[in-house]
Protein backbone atom coordinates (compact mmCIF):
# COMPACT_ATOMS: atom_id res chain seq x y z
CA UNK A 1 0.00 0.00 0.00
CA UNK A 2 2.77 2.44 0.86
CA UNK A 3 4.54 1.72 -2.41
CA UNK A 4 1.40 2.55 -4.39
CA UNK A 5 1.02 5.80 -2.46
CA UNK A 6 4.62 6.72 -3.23
CA UNK A 7 4.08 6.11 -6.94
CA UNK A 8 0.91 8.20 -6.95
CA UNK A 9 2.65 10.99 -4.99
CA UNK A 10 5.58 10.99 -7.39
CA UNK A 11 3.29 11.15 -10.41
CA UNK A 12 1.36 14.03 -8.85
CA UNK A 13 4.66 15.81 -8.21
CA UNK A 14 5.64 15.31 -11.86
CA UNK A 15 2.29 16.71 -13.01
CA UNK A 16 2.69 19.75 -10.76
CA UNK A 17 6.29 20.25 -11.90
CA UNK A 18 5.20 20.25 -15.56
CA UNK A 19 2.47 22.80 -14.81
CA UNK A 20 4.90 25.01 -12.89
CA UNK A 21 7.46 24.79 -15.67
CA UNK A 22 4.88 25.89 -18.24
CA UNK A 23 4.01 28.93 -16.15
CA UNK A 24 7.43 29.88 -14.78
CA UNK A 25 9.83 29.08 -17.62
CA UNK A 26 9.26 32.49 -19.28
CA UNK A 27 10.35 34.15 -16.02
CA UNK A 28 13.76 32.44 -16.11
CA UNK A 29 15.01 34.64 -18.96
CA UNK A 30 18.28 36.44 -18.25
CA UNK A 31 16.66 39.87 -18.43
CA UNK A 32 13.82 39.02 -16.02
CA UNK A 33 14.20 40.21 -12.44
CA UNK A 34 12.12 37.23 -11.24
CA UNK A 35 14.50 34.66 -12.73
CA UNK A 36 16.10 33.65 -9.44
CA UNK A 37 12.78 33.00 -7.67
CA UNK A 38 11.42 31.16 -10.72
CA UNK A 39 14.55 28.99 -10.99
CA UNK A 40 14.46 28.13 -7.29
CA UNK A 41 10.81 27.12 -7.47
CA UNK A 42 11.48 25.05 -10.59
CA UNK A 43 14.50 23.40 -8.94
CA UNK A 44 12.46 22.29 -5.95
CA UNK A 45 9.56 21.19 -8.14
CA UNK A 46 11.92 19.06 -10.23
CA UNK A 47 13.52 17.65 -7.08
CA UNK A 48 10.10 16.78 -5.68
CA UNK A 49 9.25 15.03 -8.95
CA UNK A 50 12.48 13.02 -8.77
CA UNK A 51 14.16 14.81 -11.68
CA UNK A 52 17.56 15.54 -10.16
CA UNK A 53 19.10 16.52 -13.51
CA UNK A 54 16.60 19.34 -14.00
CA UNK A 55 16.80 20.32 -10.33
CA UNK A 56 20.57 20.55 -10.51
CA UNK A 57 20.43 22.53 -13.75
CA UNK A 58 18.09 25.15 -12.31
CA UNK A 59 20.11 25.39 -9.11
CA UNK A 60 23.33 25.76 -11.12
CA UNK A 61 21.81 28.59 -13.13
CA UNK A 62 21.25 30.42 -9.84
CA UNK A 63 24.67 29.85 -8.34
CA UNK A 64 26.54 30.62 -11.57
CA UNK A 65 24.78 33.95 -12.08
CA UNK A 66 26.90 36.74 -10.59
CA UNK A 67 23.76 38.85 -10.11
CA UNK A 68 22.08 36.22 -7.93
CA UNK A 69 21.24 37.30 -4.40
CA UNK A 70 22.99 35.32 -1.68
CA UNK A 71 19.70 33.77 -0.59
CA UNK A 72 19.12 32.38 -4.08
CA UNK A 73 22.59 30.85 -4.18
CA UNK A 74 21.69 28.95 -1.02
CA UNK A 75 19.01 27.09 -3.00
CA UNK A 76 21.54 24.76 -4.55
CA UNK A 77 23.05 23.94 -1.17
CA UNK A 78 19.61 23.17 0.29
CA UNK A 79 18.76 21.01 -2.70
CA UNK A 80 22.03 19.08 -2.42
CA UNK A 81 21.52 18.52 1.33
CA UNK A 82 17.99 17.22 0.83
CA UNK A 83 19.16 14.86 -1.88
CA UNK A 84 21.98 13.57 0.32
CA UNK A 85 19.58 13.01 3.22
CA UNK A 86 17.31 10.90 1.03
CA UNK A 87 20.12 9.02 -0.73
CA UNK A 88 22.92 8.46 1.79
C-alpha atoms as a PDB file:
ATOM      1  CA  UNK A   1       0.000   0.000   0.000  1.00  0.00           C
ATOM      2  CA  UNK A   2       2.771   2.438   0.862  1.00  0.00           C
ATOM      3  CA  UNK A   3       4.541   1.721  -2.413  1.00  0.00           C
ATOM      4  CA  UNK A   4       1.404   2.545  -4.389  1.00  0.00           C
ATOM      5  CA  UNK A   5       1.017   5.795  -2.464  1.00  0.00           C
ATOM      6  CA  UNK A   6       4.618   6.724  -3.227  1.00  0.00           C
ATOM      7  CA  UNK A   7       4.079   6.105  -6.940  1.00  0.00           C
ATOM      8  CA  UNK A   8       0.911   8.204  -6.948  1.00  0.00           C
ATOM      9  CA  UNK A   9       2.646  10.988  -4.985  1.00  0.00           C
ATOM     10  CA  UNK A  10       5.580  10.992  -7.393  1.00  0.00           C
ATOM     11  CA  UNK A  11       3.287  11.152 -10.412  1.00  0.00           C
ATOM     12  CA  UNK A  12       1.357  14.026  -8.846  1.00  0.00           C
ATOM     13  CA  UNK A  13       4.659  15.812  -8.205  1.00  0.00           C
ATOM     14  CA  UNK A  14       5.637  15.306 -11.863  1.00  0.00           C
ATOM     15  CA  UNK A  15       2.291  16.715 -13.011  1.00  0.00           C
ATOM     16  CA  UNK A  16       2.690  19.747 -10.757  1.00  0.00           C
ATOM     17  CA  UNK A  17       6.293  20.249 -11.905  1.00  0.00           C
ATOM     18  CA  UNK A  18       5.199  20.247 -15.562  1.00  0.00           C
ATOM     19  CA  UNK A  19       2.473  22.799 -14.815  1.00  0.00           C
ATOM     20  CA  UNK A  20       4.899  25.009 -12.891  1.00  0.00           C
ATOM     21  CA  UNK A  21       7.455  24.791 -15.671  1.00  0.00           C
ATOM     22  CA  UNK A  22       4.880  25.885 -18.238  1.00  0.00           C
ATOM     23  CA  UNK A  23       4.013  28.930 -16.154  1.00  0.00           C
ATOM     24  CA  UNK A  24       7.431  29.877 -14.782  1.00  0.00           C
ATOM     25  CA  UNK A  25       9.826  29.078 -17.619  1.00  0.00           C
ATOM     26  CA  UNK A  26       9.263  32.492 -19.280  1.00  0.00           C
ATOM     27  CA  UNK A  27      10.347  34.150 -16.018  1.00  0.00           C
ATOM     28  CA  UNK A  28      13.761  32.444 -16.109  1.00  0.00           C
ATOM     29  CA  UNK A  29      15.014  34.636 -18.962  1.00  0.00           C
ATOM     30  CA  UNK A  30      18.279  36.441 -18.251  1.00  0.00           C
ATOM     31  CA  UNK A  31      16.656  39.868 -18.435  1.00  0.00           C
ATOM     32  CA  UNK A  32      13.819  39.019 -16.022  1.00  0.00           C
ATOM     33  CA  UNK A  33      14.201  40.213 -12.445  1.00  0.00           C
ATOM     34  CA  UNK A  34      12.123  37.231 -11.238  1.00  0.00           C
ATOM     35  CA  UNK A  35      14.503  34.659 -12.728  1.00  0.00           C
ATOM     36  CA  UNK A  36      16.095  33.648  -9.436  1.00  0.00           C
ATOM     37  CA  UNK A  37      12.785  32.999  -7.674  1.00  0.00           C
ATOM     38  CA  UNK A  38      11.425  31.159 -10.717  1.00  0.00           C
ATOM     39  CA  UNK A  39      14.546  28.994 -10.993  1.00  0.00           C
ATOM     40  CA  UNK A  40      14.463  28.135  -7.293  1.00  0.00           C
ATOM     41  CA  UNK A  41      10.806  27.115  -7.470  1.00  0.00           C
ATOM     42  CA  UNK A  42      11.483  25.048 -10.590  1.00  0.00           C
ATOM     43  CA  UNK A  43      14.502  23.403  -8.942  1.00  0.00           C
ATOM     44  CA  UNK A  44      12.456  22.287  -5.953  1.00  0.00           C
ATOM     45  CA  UNK A  45       9.559  21.187  -8.144  1.00  0.00           C
ATOM     46  CA  UNK A  46      11.917  19.055 -10.225  1.00  0.00           C
ATOM     47  CA  UNK A  47      13.519  17.652  -7.077  1.00  0.00           C
ATOM     48  CA  UNK A  48      10.097  16.780  -5.679  1.00  0.00           C
ATOM     49  CA  UNK A  49       9.250  15.026  -8.952  1.00  0.00           C
ATOM     50  CA  UNK A  50      12.484  13.016  -8.774  1.00  0.00           C
ATOM     51  CA  UNK A  51      14.156  14.810 -11.683  1.00  0.00           C
ATOM     52  CA  UNK A  52      17.563  15.543 -10.164  1.00  0.00           C
ATOM     53  CA  UNK A  53      19.097  16.517 -13.515  1.00  0.00           C
ATOM     54  CA  UNK A  54      16.597  19.340 -13.998  1.00  0.00           C
ATOM     55  CA  UNK A  55      16.800  20.323 -10.333  1.00  0.00           C
ATOM     56  CA  UNK A  56      20.575  20.551 -10.509  1.00  0.00           C
ATOM     57  CA  UNK A  57      20.434  22.527 -13.752  1.00  0.00           C
ATOM     58  CA  UNK A  58      18.086  25.148 -12.311  1.00  0.00           C
ATOM     59  CA  UNK A  59      20.111  25.388  -9.106  1.00  0.00           C
ATOM     60  CA  UNK A  60      23.329  25.759 -11.119  1.00  0.00           C
ATOM     61  CA  UNK A  61      21.806  28.592 -13.126  1.00  0.00           C
ATOM     62  CA  UNK A  62      21.247  30.416  -9.839  1.00  0.00           C
ATOM     63  CA  UNK A  63      24.673  29.845  -8.344  1.00  0.00           C
ATOM     64  CA  UNK A  64      26.542  30.621 -11.567  1.00  0.00           C
ATOM     65  CA  UNK A  65      24.782  33.951 -12.081  1.00  0.00           C
ATOM     66  CA  UNK A  66      26.897  36.740 -10.587  1.00  0.00           C
ATOM     67  CA  UNK A  67      23.764  38.853 -10.111  1.00  0.00           C
ATOM     68  CA  UNK A  68      22.077  36.219  -7.925  1.00  0.00           C
ATOM     69  CA  UNK A  69      21.243  37.302  -4.400  1.00  0.00           C
ATOM     70  CA  UNK A  70      22.993  35.322  -1.678  1.00  0.00           C
ATOM     71  CA  UNK A  71      19.702  33.765  -0.587  1.00  0.00           C
ATOM     72  CA  UNK A  72      19.122  32.377  -4.081  1.00  0.00           C
ATOM     73  CA  UNK A  73      22.593  30.850  -4.183  1.00  0.00           C
ATOM     74  CA  UNK A  74      21.693  28.948  -1.024  1.00  0.00           C
ATOM     75  CA  UNK A  75      19.005  27.093  -3.004  1.00  0.00           C
ATOM     76  CA  UNK A  76      21.540  24.761  -4.546  1.00  0.00           C
ATOM     77  CA  UNK A  77      23.046  23.939  -1.168  1.00  0.00           C
ATOM     78  CA  UNK A  78      19.608  23.172   0.292  1.00  0.00           C
ATOM     79  CA  UNK A  79      18.762  21.009  -2.703  1.00  0.00           C
ATOM     80  CA  UNK A  80      22.029  19.076  -2.416  1.00  0.00           C
ATOM     81  CA  UNK A  81      21.518  18.519   1.335  1.00  0.00           C
ATOM     82  CA  UNK A  82      17.987  17.222   0.829  1.00  0.00           C
ATOM     83  CA  UNK A  83      19.160  14.862  -1.878  1.00  0.00           C
ATOM     84  CA  UNK A  84      21.984  13.566   0.316  1.00  0.00           C
ATOM     85  CA  UNK A  85      19.585  13.010   3.220  1.00  0.00           C
ATOM     86  CA  UNK A  86      17.313  10.902   1.033  1.00  0.00           C
ATOM     87  CA  UNK A  87      20.121   9.016  -0.729  1.00  0.00           C
ATOM     88  CA  UNK A  88      22.923   8.458   1.793  1.00  0.00           C
END
